[in-house]
Amino acid sequence: MRTIFVILVALLCLLLGVDIALRAKELPNGWPPADVVTVVLSALSAMLAIVTIFLGIAAILGYFHIRELSVQTASAVAKKTAEEVATRATRVLSDQEEGQGGGDEYAQSAVAQSEVRPPGSGG
């Protein structure tokens, strides 16, 4: 972002310089006004092309970076959630085997909906 800001400030300074030059009584080095306008517009189009290419490269790199971060975040959240569910399900199963029948409702429903069977149940 800082680079884009510097480029835009440079572009603004260039346009300000051209404005001052065009308002002067004499053009730089005695150039005719048509040549000055042609040079300025050519420089402006070249700068615009460079900024466009830079933004395109930044967009591609940004896309890949965001995609990588989202995959890492999704993996971390999935792992954490799976560990929590597995811990609760294991606790409910062990409580049921020991005859305590405790556990929270979330873990009991997770066990009821899954194919997890306690060891030795023949399933």
PDB file of N, CA and C in Angstrom:
ATOM      1  N   MET A   1       0.805  -1.188   0.000  1.00  0.00           N
ATOM      2  CA  MET A   1       0.000   0.000   0.000  1.00  0.00           C
ATOM      3  C   MET A   1       0.855   1.262   0.000  1.00  0.00           C
ATOM      4  N   ARG A   2       1.947   1.222   0.721  1.00  0.00           N
ATOM      5  CA  ARG A   2       2.820   2.383   0.799  1.00  0.00           C
ATOM      6  C   ARG A   2       3.394   2.699  -0.582  1.00  0.00           C
ATOM      7  N   THR A   3       3.725   1.667  -1.341  1.00  0.00           N
ATOM      8  CA  THR A   3       4.287   1.874  -2.682  1.00  0.00           C
ATOM      9  C   THR A   3       3.258   2.545  -3.588  1.00  0.00           C
ATOM     10  N   ILE A   4       2.020   2.113  -3.509  1.00  0.00           N
ATOM     11  CA  ILE A   4       0.970   2.716  -4.330  1.00  0.00           C
ATOM     12  C   ILE A   4       0.806   4.190  -3.957  1.00  0.00           C
ATOM     13  N   PHE A   5       0.859   4.488  -2.671  1.00  0.00           N
ATOM     14  CA  PHE A   5       0.741   5.869  -2.221  1.00  0.00           C
ATOM     15  C   PHE A   5       1.882   6.719  -2.776  1.00  0.00           C
ATOM     16  N   VAL A   6       3.096   6.187  -2.748  1.00  0.00           N
ATOM     17  CA  VAL A   6       4.248   6.924  -3.266  1.00  0.00           C
ATOM     18  C   VAL A   6       4.085   7.172  -4.766  1.00  0.00           C
ATOM     19  N   ILE A   7       3.605   6.167  -5.478  1.00  0.00           N
ATOM     20  CA  ILE A   7       3.400   6.324  -6.925  1.00  0.00           C
ATOM     21  C   ILE A   7       2.351   7.391  -7.197  1.00  0.00           C
ATOM     22  N   LEU A   8       1.263   7.371  -6.441  1.00  0.00           N
ATOM     23  CA  LEU A   8       0.217   8.370  -6.656  1.00  0.00           C
ATOM     24  C   LEU A   8       0.705   9.779  -6.318  1.00  0.00           C
ATOM     25  N   VAL A   9       1.500   9.917  -5.278  1.00  0.00           N
ATOM     26  CA  VAL A   9       2.059  11.231  -4.935  1.00  0.00           C
ATOM     27  C   VAL A   9       3.004  11.702  -6.038  1.00  0.00           C
ATOM     28  N   ALA A  10       3.816  10.789  -6.574  1.00  0.00           N
ATOM     29  CA  ALA A  10       4.724  11.154  -7.662  1.00  0.00           C
ATOM     30  C   ALA A  10       3.930  11.597  -8.892  1.00  0.00           C
ATOM     31  N   LEU A  11       2.849  10.885  -9.172  1.00  0.00           N
ATOM     32  CA  LEU A  11       1.999  11.246 -10.300  1.00  0.00           C
ATOM     33  C   LEU A  11       1.380  12.627 -10.093  1.00  0.00           C
ATOM     34  N   LEU A  12       0.936  12.909  -8.883  1.00  0.00           N
ATOM     35  CA  LEU A  12       0.365  14.210  -8.577  1.00  0.00           C
ATOM     36  C   LEU A  12       1.408  15.319  -8.726  1.00  0.00           C
ATOM     37  N   CYS A  13       2.626  15.059  -8.256  1.00  0.00           N
ATOM     38  CA  CYS A  13       3.709  16.046  -8.414  1.00  0.00           C
ATOM     39  C   CYS A  13       4.023  16.291  -9.891  1.00  0.00           C
ATOM     40  N   LEU A  14       4.007  15.227 -10.685  1.00  0.00           N
ATOM     41  CA  LEU A  14       4.264  15.374 -12.115  1.00  0.00           C
ATOM     42  C   LEU A  14       3.188  16.235 -12.764  1.00  0.00           C
ATOM     43  N   LEU A  15       1.937  15.952 -12.426  1.00  0.00           N
ATOM     44  CA  LEU A  15       0.852  16.739 -13.009  1.00  0.00           C
ATOM     45  C   LEU A  15       0.917  18.195 -12.549  1.00  0.00           C
ATOM     46  N   LEU A  16       1.284  18.428 -11.299  1.00  0.00           N
ATOM     47  CA  LEU A  16       1.435  19.789 -10.801  1.00  0.00           C
ATOM     48  C   LEU A  16       2.567  20.511 -11.535  1.00  0.00           C
ATOM     49  N   GLY A  17       3.665  19.802 -11.748  1.00  0.00           N
ATOM     50  CA  GLY A  17       4.781  20.395 -12.489  1.00  0.00           C
ATOM     51  C   GLY A  17       4.403  20.746 -13.917  1.00  0.00           C
ATOM     52  N   VAL A  18       3.644  19.862 -14.564  1.00  0.00           N
ATOM     53  CA  VAL A  18       3.189  20.133 -15.928  1.00  0.00           C
ATOM     54  C   VAL A  18       2.262  21.339 -15.939  1.00  0.00           C
ATOM     55  N   ASP A  19       1.381  21.420 -14.944  1.00  0.00           N
ATOM     56  CA  ASP A  19       0.468  22.557 -14.870  1.00  0.00           C
ATOM     57  C   ASP A  19       1.244  23.864 -14.718  1.00  0.00           C
ATOM     58  N   ILE A  20       2.241  23.859 -13.852  1.00  0.00           N
ATOM     59  CA  ILE A  20       3.051  25.064 -13.669  1.00  0.00           C
ATOM     60  C   ILE A  20       3.807  25.410 -14.956  1.00  0.00           C
ATOM     61  N   ALA A  21       4.333  24.381 -15.610  1.00  0.00           N
ATOM     62  CA  ALA A  21       5.079  24.619 -16.849  1.00  0.00           C
ATOM     63  C   ALA A  21       4.189  25.172 -17.951  1.00  0.00           C
ATOM     64  N   LEU A  22       2.959  24.658 -18.043  1.00  0.00           N
ATOM     65  CA  LEU A  22       2.058  25.120 -19.097  1.00  0.00           C
ATOM     66  C   LEU A  22       1.552  26.543 -18.832  1.00  0.00           C
ATOM     67  N   ARG A  23       1.508  26.940 -17.572  1.00  0.00           N
ATOM     68  CA  ARG A  23       1.038  28.281 -17.250  1.00  0.00           C
ATOM     69  C   ARG A  23       2.160  29.323 -17.349  1.00  0.00           C
ATOM     70  N   ALA A  24       3.392  28.852 -17.465  1.00  0.00           N
ATOM     71  CA  ALA A  24       4.526  29.782 -17.574  1.00  0.00           C
ATOM     72  C   ALA A  24       4.470  30.486 -18.933  1.00  0.00           C
ATOM     73  N   LYS A  25       5.164  31.616 -19.004  1.00  0.00           N
ATOM     74  CA  LYS A  25       5.167  32.355 -20.268  1.00  0.00           C
ATOM     75  C   LYS A  25       5.898  31.569 -21.348  1.00  0.00           C
ATOM     76  N   GLU A  26       6.962  30.882 -20.947  1.00  0.00           N
ATOM     77  CA  GLU A  26       7.721  30.096 -21.919  1.00  0.00           C
ATOM     78  C   GLU A  26       7.641  28.623 -21.533  1.00  0.00           C
ATOM     79  N   LEU A  27       7.537  27.793 -22.514  1.00  0.00           N
ATOM     80  CA  LEU A  27       7.536  26.356 -22.272  1.00  0.00           C
ATOM     81  C   LEU A  27       8.981  25.886 -22.123  1.00  0.00           C
ATOM     82  N   PRO A  28       9.226  24.746 -21.470  1.00  0.00           N
ATOM     83  CA  PRO A  28      10.595  24.272 -21.269  1.00  0.00           C
ATOM     84  C   PRO A  28      11.340  24.121 -22.587  1.00  0.00           C
ATOM     85  N   ASN A  29      12.496  24.694 -22.657  1.00  0.00           N
ATOM     86  CA  ASN A  29      13.385  24.594 -23.819  1.00  0.00           C
ATOM     87  C   ASN A  29      12.714  25.032 -25.119  1.00  0.00           C
ATOM     88  N   GLY A  30      11.726  25.869 -25.018  1.00  0.00           N
ATOM     89  CA  GLY A  30      11.075  26.397 -26.206  1.00  0.00           C
ATOM     90  C   GLY A  30      10.225  25.381 -26.947  1.00  0.00           C
ATOM     91  N   TRP A  31       9.760  24.351 -26.272  1.00  0.00           N
ATOM     92  CA  TRP A  31       8.921  23.341 -26.940  1.00  0.00           C
ATOM     93  C   TRP A  31       7.575  23.932 -27.314  1.00  0.00           C
ATOM     94  N   PRO A  32       7.020  23.481 -28.400  1.00  0.00           N
ATOM     95  CA  PRO A  32       5.648  23.902 -28.726  1.00  0.00           C
ATOM     96  C   PRO A  32       4.656  23.214 -27.766  1.00  0.00           C
ATOM     97  N   PRO A  33       3.537  23.826 -27.492  1.00  0.00           N
ATOM     98  CA  PRO A  33       2.569  23.255 -26.543  1.00  0.00           C
ATOM     99  C   PRO A  33       2.092  21.850 -26.920  1.00  0.00           C
ATOM    100  N   ALA A  34       1.951  21.569 -28.185  1.00  0.00           N
ATOM    101  CA  ALA A  34       1.480  20.247 -28.615  1.00  0.00           C
ATOM    102  C   ALA A  34       2.485  19.161 -28.220  1.00  0.00           C
ATOM    103  N   ASP A  35       3.781  19.460 -28.339  1.00  0.00           N
ATOM    104  CA  ASP A  35       4.801  18.473 -27.957  1.00  0.00           C
ATOM    105  C   ASP A  35       4.797  18.227 -26.444  1.00  0.00           C
ATOM    106  N   VAL A  36       4.603  19.290 -25.669  1.00  0.00           N
ATOM    107  CA  VAL A  36       4.573  19.137 -24.208  1.00  0.00           C
ATOM    108  C   VAL A  36       3.387  18.266 -23.797  1.00  0.00           C
ATOM    109  N   VAL A  37       2.232  18.526 -24.367  1.00  0.00           N
ATOM    110  CA  VAL A  37       1.041  17.729 -24.044  1.00  0.00           C
ATOM    111  C   VAL A  37       1.242  16.286 -24.464  1.00  0.00           C
ATOM    112  N   THR A  38       1.853  16.054 -25.611  1.00  0.00           N
ATOM    113  CA  THR A  38       2.104  14.698 -26.085  1.00  0.00           C
ATOM    114  C   THR A  38       3.037  13.950 -25.135  1.00  0.00           C
ATOM    115  N   VAL A  39       4.095  14.590 -24.704  1.00  0.00           N
ATOM    116  CA  VAL A  39       5.048  13.954 -23.792  1.00  0.00           C
ATOM    117  C   VAL A  39       4.387  13.663 -22.444  1.00  0.00           C
ATOM    118  N   VAL A  40       3.623  14.606 -21.946  1.00  0.00           N
ATOM    119  CA  VAL A  40       2.969  14.417 -20.645  1.00  0.00           C
ATOM    120  C   VAL A  40       1.967  13.270 -20.714  1.00  0.00           C
ATOM    121  N   LEU A  41       1.163  13.239 -21.758  1.00  0.00           N
ATOM    122  CA  LEU A  41       0.176  12.153 -21.878  1.00  0.00           C
ATOM    123  C   LEU A  41       0.847  10.803 -22.081  1.00  0.00           C
ATOM    124  N   SER A  42       1.953  10.771 -22.789  1.00  0.00           N
ATOM    125  CA  SER A  42       2.693   9.514 -22.951  1.00  0.00           C
ATOM    126  C   SER A  42       3.257   9.031 -21.617  1.00  0.00           C
ATOM    127  N   ALA A  43       3.826   9.946 -20.852  1.00  0.00           N
ATOM    128  CA  ALA A  43       4.353   9.578 -19.538  1.00  0.00           C
ATOM    129  C   ALA A  43       3.229   9.128 -18.611  1.00  0.00           C
ATOM    130  N   LEU A  44       2.106   9.795 -18.685  1.00  0.00           N
ATOM    131  CA  LEU A  44       0.967   9.434 -17.859  1.00  0.00           C
ATOM    132  C   LEU A  44       0.442   8.038 -18.205  1.00  0.00           C
ATOM    133  N   SER A  45       0.363   7.736 -19.483  1.00  0.00           N
ATOM    134  CA  SER A  45      -0.115   6.405 -19.881  1.00  0.00           C
ATOM    135  C   SER A  45       0.888   5.317 -19.492  1.00  0.00           C
ATOM    136  N   ALA A  46       2.179   5.617 -19.564  1.00  0.00           N
ATOM    137  CA  ALA A  46       3.186   4.637 -19.139  1.00  0.00           C
ATOM    138  C   ALA A  46       3.088   4.384 -17.637  1.00  0.00           C
ATOM    139  N   MET A  47       2.910   5.458 -16.858  1.00  0.00           N
ATOM    140  CA  MET A  47       2.769   5.285 -15.414  1.00  0.00           C
ATOM    141  C   MET A  47       1.500   4.513 -15.076  1.00  0.00           C
ATOM    142  N   LEU A  48       0.427   4.772 -15.789  1.00  0.00           N
ATOM    143  CA  LEU A  48      -0.816   4.052 -15.556  1.00  0.00           C
ATOM    144  C   LEU A  48      -0.650   2.563 -15.871  1.00  0.00           C
ATOM    145  N   ALA A  49       0.072   2.254 -16.931  1.00  0.00           N
ATOM    146  CA  ALA A  49       0.316   0.855 -17.281  1.00  0.00           C
ATOM    147  C   ALA A  49       1.153   0.162 -16.211  1.00  0.00           C
ATOM    148  N   ILE A  50       2.153   0.833 -15.691  1.00  0.00           N
ATOM    149  CA  ILE A  50       3.002   0.252 -14.642  1.00  0.00           C
ATOM    150  C   ILE A  50       2.193   0.014 -13.370  1.00  0.00           C
ATOM    151  N   VAL A  51       1.371   0.979 -12.991  1.00  0.00           N
ATOM    152  CA  VAL A  51       0.540   0.816 -11.795  1.00  0.00           C
ATOM    153  C   VAL A  51      -0.451  -0.331 -11.986  1.00  0.00           C
ATOM    154  N   THR A  52      -1.014  -0.455 -13.167  1.00  0.00           N
ATOM    155  CA  THR A  52      -1.961  -1.540 -13.447  1.00  0.00           C
ATOM    156  C   THR A  52      -1.282  -2.896 -13.341  1.00  0.00           C
ATOM    157  N   ILE A  53      -0.099  -3.020 -13.897  1.00  0.00           N
ATOM    158  CA  ILE A  53       0.645  -4.290 -13.808  1.00  0.00           C
ATOM    159  C   ILE A  53       0.979  -4.594 -12.350  1.00  0.00           C
ATOM    160  N   PHE A  54       1.418  -3.588 -11.616  1.00  0.00           N
ATOM    161  CA  PHE A  54       1.736  -3.774 -10.197  1.00  0.00           C
ATOM    162  C   PHE A  54       0.508  -4.236  -9.418  1.00  0.00           C
ATOM    163  N   LEU A  55      -0.630  -3.602  -9.651  1.00  0.00           N
ATOM    164  CA  LEU A  55      -1.852  -3.989  -8.953  1.00  0.00           C
ATOM    165  C   LEU A  55      -2.293  -5.405  -9.328  1.00  0.00           C
ATOM    166  N   GLY A  56      -2.114  -5.779 -10.577  1.00  0.00           N
ATOM    167  CA  GLY A  56      -2.451  -7.146 -10.993  1.00  0.00           C
ATOM    168  C   GLY A  56      -1.597  -8.184 -10.274  1.00  0.00           C
ATOM    169  N   ILE A  57      -0.297  -7.925 -10.193  1.00  0.00           N
ATOM    170  CA  ILE A  57       0.599  -8.851  -9.494  1.00  0.00           C
ATOM    171  C   ILE A  57       0.249  -8.894  -8.003  1.00  0.00           C
ATOM    172  N   ALA A  58      -0.027  -7.748  -7.414  1.00  0.00           N
ATOM    173  CA  ALA A  58      -0.396  -7.708  -5.992  1.00  0.00           C
ATOM    174  C   ALA A  58      -1.699  -8.457  -5.739  1.00  0.00           C
ATOM    175  N   ALA A  59      -2.653  -8.354  -6.663  1.00  0.00           N
ATOM    176  CA  ALA A  59      -3.925  -9.061  -6.499  1.00  0.00           C
ATOM    177  C   ALA A  59      -3.719 -10.567  -6.560  1.00  0.00           C
ATOM    178  N   ILE A  60      -2.893 -11.032  -7.483  1.00  0.00           N
ATOM    179  CA  ILE A  60      -2.640 -12.474  -7.595  1.00  0.00           C
ATOM    180  C   ILE A  60      -1.941 -12.985  -6.341  1.00  0.00           C
ATOM    181  N   LEU A  61      -0.909 -12.278  -5.887  1.00  0.00           N
ATOM    182  CA  LEU A  61      -0.201 -12.700  -4.678  1.00  0.00           C
ATOM    183  C   LEU A  61      -1.114 -12.640  -3.456  1.00  0.00           C
ATOM    184  N   GLY A  62      -1.924 -11.617  -3.373  1.00  0.00           N
ATOM    185  CA  GLY A  62      -2.863 -11.497  -2.262  1.00  0.00           C
ATOM    186  C   GLY A  62      -3.882 -12.619  -2.252  1.00  0.00           C
ATOM    187  N   TYR A  63      -4.364 -13.009  -3.427  1.00  0.00           N
ATOM    188  CA  TYR A  63      -5.326 -14.109  -3.515  1.00  0.00           C
ATOM    189  C   TYR A  63      -4.716 -15.398  -2.980  1.00  0.00           C
ATOM    190  N   PHE A  64      -3.509 -15.713  -3.421  1.00  0.00           N
ATOM    191  CA  PHE A  64      -2.882 -16.946  -2.962  1.00  0.00           C
ATOM    192  C   PHE A  64      -2.593 -16.898  -1.459  1.00  0.00           C
ATOM    193  N   HIS A  65      -2.220 -15.740  -0.953  1.00  0.00           N
ATOM    194  CA  HIS A  65      -1.950 -15.619   0.479  1.00  0.00           C
ATOM    195  C   HIS A  65      -3.237 -15.797   1.286  1.00  0.00           C
ATOM    196  N   ILE A  66      -4.312 -15.165   0.857  1.00  0.00           N
ATOM    197  CA  ILE A  66      -5.592 -15.299   1.552  1.00  0.00           C
ATOM    198  C   ILE A  66      -6.072 -16.745   1.491  1.00  0.00           C
ATOM    199  N   ARG A  67      -5.908 -17.395   0.347  1.00  0.00           N
ATOM    200  CA  ARG A  67      -6.331 -18.789   0.223  1.00  0.00           C
ATOM    201  C   ARG A  67      -5.538 -19.679   1.175  1.00  0.00           C
ATOM    202  N   GLU A  68      -4.241 -19.455   1.268  1.00  0.00           N
ATOM    203  CA  GLU A  68      -3.401 -20.256   2.167  1.00  0.00           C
ATOM    204  C   GLU A  68      -3.801 -20.036   3.625  1.00  0.00           C
ATOM    205  N   LEU A  69      -4.046 -18.784   4.005  1.00  0.00           N
ATOM    206  CA  LEU A  69      -4.461 -18.491   5.375  1.00  0.00           C
ATOM    207  C   LEU A  69      -5.817 -19.104   5.702  1.00  0.00           C
ATOM    208  N   SER A  70      -6.731 -19.080   4.744  1.00  0.00           N
ATOM    209  CA  SER A  70      -8.060 -19.652   5.010  1.00  0.00           C
ATOM    210  C   SER A  70      -7.990 -21.165   5.167  1.00  0.00           C
ATOM    211  N   VAL A  71      -7.135 -21.828   4.388  1.00  0.00           N
ATOM    212  CA  VAL A  71      -6.974 -23.276   4.534  1.00  0.00           C
ATOM    213  C   VAL A  71      -6.362 -23.599   5.894  1.00  0.00           C
ATOM    214  N   GLN A  72      -5.365 -22.845   6.304  1.00  0.00           N
ATOM    215  CA  GLN A  72      -4.744 -23.077   7.608  1.00  0.00           C
ATOM    216  C   GLN A  72      -5.740 -22.842   8.746  1.00  0.00           C
ATOM    217  N   THR A  73      -6.518 -21.778   8.646  1.00  0.00           N
ATOM    218  CA  THR A  73      -7.496 -21.475   9.688  1.00  0.00           C
ATOM    219  C   THR A  73      -8.578 -22.549   9.740  1.00  0.00           C
ATOM    220  N   ALA A  74      -9.070 -22.971   8.575  1.00  0.00           N
ATOM    221  CA  ALA A  74     -10.096 -24.013   8.546  1.00  0.00           C
ATOM    222  C   ALA A  74      -9.566 -25.316   9.128  1.00  0.00           C
ATOM    223  N   SER A  75      -8.339 -25.664   8.827  1.00  0.00           N
ATOM    224  CA  SER A  75      -7.742 -26.884   9.379  1.00  0.00           C
ATOM    225  C   SER A  75      -7.624 -26.797  10.899  1.00  0.00           C
ATOM    226  N   ALA A  76      -7.188 -25.655  11.396  1.00  0.00           N
ATOM    227  CA  ALA A  76      -7.043 -25.494  12.841  1.00  0.00           C
ATOM    228  C   ALA A  76      -8.397 -25.572  13.549  1.00  0.00           C
ATOM    229  N   VAL A  77      -9.412 -24.934  12.983  1.00  0.00           N
ATOM    230  CA  VAL A  77     -10.744 -24.960  13.596  1.00  0.00           C
ATOM    231  C   VAL A  77     -11.324 -26.366  13.541  1.00  0.00           C
ATOM    232  N   ALA A  78     -11.151 -27.048  12.407  1.00  0.00           N
ATOM    233  CA  ALA A  78     -11.671 -28.410  12.290  1.00  0.00           C
ATOM    234  C   ALA A  78     -10.983 -29.343  13.276  1.00  0.00           C
ATOM    235  N   LYS A  79      -9.687 -29.206  13.430  1.00  0.00           N
ATOM    236  CA  LYS A  79      -8.947 -30.055  14.365  1.00  0.00           C
ATOM    237  C   LYS A  79      -9.404 -29.796  15.799  1.00  0.00           C
ATOM    238  N   LYS A  80      -9.546 -28.526  16.153  1.00  0.00           N
ATOM    239  CA  LYS A  80      -9.980 -28.187  17.510  1.00  0.00           C
ATOM    240  C   LYS A  80     -11.379 -28.726  17.786  1.00  0.00           C
ATOM    241  N   THR A  81     -12.287 -28.547  16.841  1.00  0.00           N
ATOM    242  CA  THR A  81     -13.658 -29.027  17.013  1.00  0.00           C
ATOM    243  C   THR A  81     -13.701 -30.545  17.105  1.00  0.00           C
ATOM    244  N   ALA A  82     -12.941 -31.217  16.257  1.00  0.00           N
ATOM    245  CA  ALA A  82     -12.915 -32.683  16.284  1.00  0.00           C
ATOM    246  C   ALA A  82     -12.360 -33.197  17.602  1.00  0.00           C
ATOM    247  N   GLU A  83     -11.329 -32.531  18.125  1.00  0.00           N
ATOM    248  CA  GLU A  83     -10.772 -32.948  19.411  1.00  0.00           C
ATOM    249  C   GLU A  83     -11.778 -32.752  20.544  1.00  0.00           C
ATOM    250  N   GLU A  84     -12.525 -31.643  20.518  1.00  0.00           N
ATOM    251  CA  GLU A  84     -13.529 -31.405  21.555  1.00  0.00           C
ATOM    252  C   GLU A  84     -14.628 -32.453  21.506  1.00  0.00           C
ATOM    253  N   VAL A  85     -15.116 -32.751  20.312  1.00  0.00           N
ATOM    254  CA  VAL A  85     -16.181 -33.743  20.165  1.00  0.00           C
ATOM    255  C   VAL A  85     -15.675 -35.125  20.567  1.00  0.00           C
ATOM    256  N   ALA A  86     -14.466 -35.459  20.153  1.00  0.00           N
ATOM    257  CA  ALA A  86     -13.910 -36.765  20.504  1.00  0.00           C
ATOM    258  C   ALA A  86     -13.711 -36.890  22.008  1.00  0.00           C
ATOM    259  N   THR A  87     -13.265 -35.834  22.651  1.00  0.00           N
ATOM    260  CA  THR A  87     -13.070 -35.863  24.102  1.00  0.00           C
ATOM    261  C   THR A  87     -14.396 -36.061  24.822  1.00  0.00           C
ATOM    262  N   ARG A  88     -15.404 -35.323  24.397  1.00  0.00           N
ATOM    263  CA  ARG A  88     -16.724 -35.463  25.020  1.00  0.00           C
ATOM    264  C   ARG A  88     -17.313 -36.852  24.764  1.00  0.00           C
ATOM    265  N   ALA A  89     -17.189 -37.328  23.546  1.00  0.00           N
ATOM    266  CA  ALA A  89     -17.730 -38.653  23.219  1.00  0.00           C
ATOM    267  C   ALA A  89     -17.013 -39.742  24.005  1.00  0.00           C
ATOM    268  N   THR A  90     -15.711 -39.621  24.142  1.00  0.00           N
ATOM    269  CA  THR A  90     -14.950 -40.606  24.910  1.00  0.00           C
ATOM    270  C   THR A  90     -15.372 -40.585  26.377  1.00  0.00           C
ATOM    271  N   ARG A  91     -15.583 -39.388  26.925  1.00  0.00           N
ATOM    272  CA  ARG A  91     -16.012 -39.274  28.316  1.00  0.00           C
ATOM    273  C   ARG A  91     -17.387 -39.906  28.520  1.00  0.00           C
ATOM    274  N   VAL A  92     -18.319 -39.660  27.608  1.00  0.00           N
ATOM    275  CA  VAL A  92     -19.665 -40.237  27.723  1.00  0.00           C
ATOM    276  C   VAL A  92     -19.600 -41.752  27.612  1.00  0.00           C
ATOM    277  N   LEU A  93     -18.816 -42.248  26.661  1.00  0.00           N
ATOM    278  CA  LEU A  93     -18.706 -43.696  26.502  1.00  0.00           C
ATOM    279  C   LEU A  93     -18.088 -44.342  27.738  1.00  0.00           C
ATOM    280  N   SER A  94     -17.066 -43.717  28.283  1.00  0.00           N
ATOM    281  CA  SER A  94     -16.439 -44.303  29.474  1.00  0.00           C
ATOM    282  C   SER A  94     -17.381 -44.224  30.670  1.00  0.00           C
ATOM    283  N   ASP A  95     -18.153 -43.143  30.773  1.00  0.00           N
ATOM    284  CA  ASP A  95     -19.131 -43.034  31.855  1.00  0.00           C
ATOM    285  C   ASP A  95     -20.216 -44.105  31.716  1.00  0.00           C
ATOM    286  N   GLN A  96     -20.653 -44.346  30.473  1.00  0.00           N
ATOM    287  CA  GLN A  96     -21.686 -45.353  30.247  1.00  0.00           C
ATOM    288  C   GLN A  96     -21.159 -46.752  30.553  1.00  0.00           C
ATOM    289  N   GLU A  97     -19.902 -47.021  30.229  1.00  0.00           N
ATOM    290  CA  GLU A  97     -19.315 -48.331  30.515  1.00  0.00           C
ATOM    291  C   GLU A  97     -19.188 -48.550  32.021  1.00  0.00           C
ATOM    292  N   GLU A  98     -18.890 -47.481  32.733  1.00  0.00           N
ATOM    293  CA  GLU A  98     -18.715 -47.587  34.174  1.00  0.00           C
ATOM    294  C   GLU A  98     -20.048 -47.545  34.909  1.00  0.00           C
ATOM    295  N   GLY A  99     -21.118 -47.351  34.176  1.00  0.00           N
ATOM    296  CA  GLY A  99     -22.436 -47.334  34.785  1.00  0.00           C
ATOM    297  C   GLY A  99     -22.829 -46.006  35.374  1.00  0.00           C
ATOM    298  N   GLN A 100     -22.070 -44.956  35.113  1.00  0.00           N
ATOM    299  CA  GLN A 100     -22.396 -43.658  35.678  1.00  0.00           C
ATOM    300  C   GLN A 100     -23.463 -42.949  34.851  1.00  0.00           C
ATOM    301  N   GLY A 101     -23.445 -43.206  33.545  1.00  0.00           N
ATOM    302  CA  GLY A 101     -24.465 -42.651  32.663  1.00  0.00           C
ATOM    303  C   GLY A 101     -24.478 -41.139  32.590  1.00  0.00           C
ATOM    304  N   GLY A 102     -23.386 -40.486  32.943  1.00  0.00           N
ATOM    305  CA  GLY A 102     -23.347 -39.026  32.961  1.00  0.00           C
ATOM    306  C   GLY A 102     -22.973 -38.447  31.615  1.00  0.00           C
ATOM    307  N   GLY A 103     -22.398 -37.298  31.642  1.00  0.00           N
ATOM    308  CA  GLY A 103     -21.982 -36.596  30.431  1.00  0.00           C
ATOM    309  C   GLY A 103     -22.970 -35.511  30.075  1.00  0.00           C
ATOM    310  N   ASP A 104     -22.576 -34.646  29.198  1.00  0.00           N
ATOM    311  CA  ASP A 104     -23.478 -33.579  28.816  1.00  0.00           C
ATOM    312  C   ASP A 104     -24.339 -33.988  27.628  1.00  0.00           C
ATOM    313  N   GLU A 105     -25.383 -33.254  27.383  1.00  0.00           N
ATOM    314  CA  GLU A 105     -26.337 -33.601  26.330  1.00  0.00           C
ATOM    315  C   GLU A 105     -25.693 -33.523  24.946  1.00  0.00           C
ATOM    316  N   TYR A 106     -24.797 -32.569  24.772  1.00  0.00           N
ATOM    317  CA  TYR A 106     -24.140 -32.428  23.461  1.00  0.00           C
ATOM    318  C   TYR A 106     -23.337 -33.678  23.136  1.00  0.00           C
ATOM    319  N   ALA A 107     -22.581 -34.154  24.085  1.00  0.00           N
ATOM    320  CA  ALA A 107     -21.765 -35.353  23.851  1.00  0.00           C
ATOM    321  C   ALA A 107     -22.643 -36.572  23.684  1.00  0.00           C
ATOM    322  N   GLN A 108     -23.731 -36.684  24.451  1.00  0.00           N
ATOM    323  CA  GLN A 108     -24.619 -37.833  24.318  1.00  0.00           C
ATOM    324  C   GLN A 108     -25.258 -37.873  22.938  1.00  0.00           C
ATOM    325  N   SER A 109     -25.670 -36.710  22.424  1.00  0.00           N
ATOM    326  CA  SER A 109     -26.269 -36.686  21.093  1.00  0.00           C
ATOM    327  C   SER A 109     -25.230 -36.997  20.024  1.00  0.00           C
ATOM    328  N   ALA A 110     -23.987 -36.570  20.255  1.00  0.00           N
ATOM    329  CA  ALA A 110     -22.924 -36.884  19.297  1.00  0.00           C
ATOM    330  C   ALA A 110     -22.671 -38.381  19.261  1.00  0.00           C
ATOM    331  N   VAL A 111     -22.680 -39.014  20.414  1.00  0.00           N
ATOM    332  CA  VAL A 111     -22.475 -40.460  20.464  1.00  0.00           C
ATOM    333  C   VAL A 111     -23.660 -41.177  19.843  1.00  0.00           C
ATOM    334  N   ALA A 112     -24.857 -40.698  20.112  1.00  0.00           N
ATOM    335  CA  ALA A 112     -26.054 -41.350  19.578  1.00  0.00           C
ATOM    336  C   ALA A 112     -26.099 -41.276  18.053  1.00  0.00           C
ATOM    337  N   GLN A 113     -25.593 -40.197  17.481  1.00  0.00           N
ATOM    338  CA  GLN A 113     -25.643 -40.030  16.033  1.00  0.00           C
ATOM    339  C   GLN A 113     -24.470 -40.683  15.325  1.00  0.00           C
ATOM    340  N   SER A 114     -23.443 -41.053  16.044  1.00  0.00           N
ATOM    341  CA  SER A 114     -22.263 -41.606  15.390  1.00  0.00           C
ATOM    342  C   SER A 114     -22.290 -43.127  15.409  1.00  0.00           C
ATOM    343  N   GLU A 115     -21.324 -43.671  14.732  1.00  0.00           N
ATOM    344  CA  GLU A 115     -21.173 -45.134  14.664  1.00  0.00           C
ATOM    345  C   GLU A 115     -20.228 -45.629  15.740  1.00  0.00           C
ATOM    346  N   VAL A 116     -19.845 -44.765  16.669  1.00  0.00           N
ATOM    347  CA  VAL A 116     -18.884 -45.136  17.715  1.00  0.00           C
ATOM    348  C   VAL A 116     -19.555 -46.096  18.678  1.00  0.00           C
ATOM    349  N   ARG A 117     -18.942 -47.219  18.895  1.00  0.00           N
ATOM    350  CA  ARG A 117     -19.446 -48.208  19.840  1.00  0.00           C
ATOM    351  C   ARG A 117     -18.359 -48.473  20.864  1.00  0.00           C
ATOM    352  N   PRO A 118     -18.732 -48.729  22.104  1.00  0.00           N
ATOM    353  CA  PRO A 118     -17.725 -49.061  23.108  1.00  0.00           C
ATOM    354  C   PRO A 118     -17.069 -50.394  22.791  1.00  0.00           C
ATOM    355  N   PRO A 119     -15.809 -50.558  23.179  1.00  0.00           N
ATOM    356  CA  PRO A 119     -15.117 -51.824  22.914  1.00  0.00           C
ATOM    357  C   PRO A 119     -15.861 -52.979  23.572  1.00  0.00           C
ATOM    358  N   GLY A 120     -15.940 -54.091  22.833  1.00  0.00           N
ATOM    359  CA  GLY A 120     -16.573 -55.298  23.345  1.00  0.00           C
ATOM    360  C   GLY A 120     -18.072 -55.318  23.158  1.00  0.00           C
ATOM    361  N   SER A 121     -18.651 -54.326  22.437  1.00  0.00           N
ATOM    362  CA  SER A 121     -20.096 -54.317  22.248  1.00  0.00           C
ATOM    363  C   SER A 121     -20.508 -55.156  21.055  1.00  0.00           C
ATOM    364  N   GLY A 122     -19.524 -55.636  20.275  1.00  0.00           N
ATOM    365  CA  GLY A 122     -19.821 -56.523  19.155  1.00  0.00           C
ATOM    366  C   GLY A 122     -20.252 -55.775  17.915  1.00  0.00           C
ATOM    367  N   GLY A 123     -20.056 -54.509  17.836  1.00  0.00           N
ATOM    368  CA  GLY A 123     -20.535 -53.710  16.716  1.00  0.00           C
ATOM    369  C   GLY A 123     -19.488 -53.513  15.739  1.00  0.00           C
TER     370      GLY A 123
END
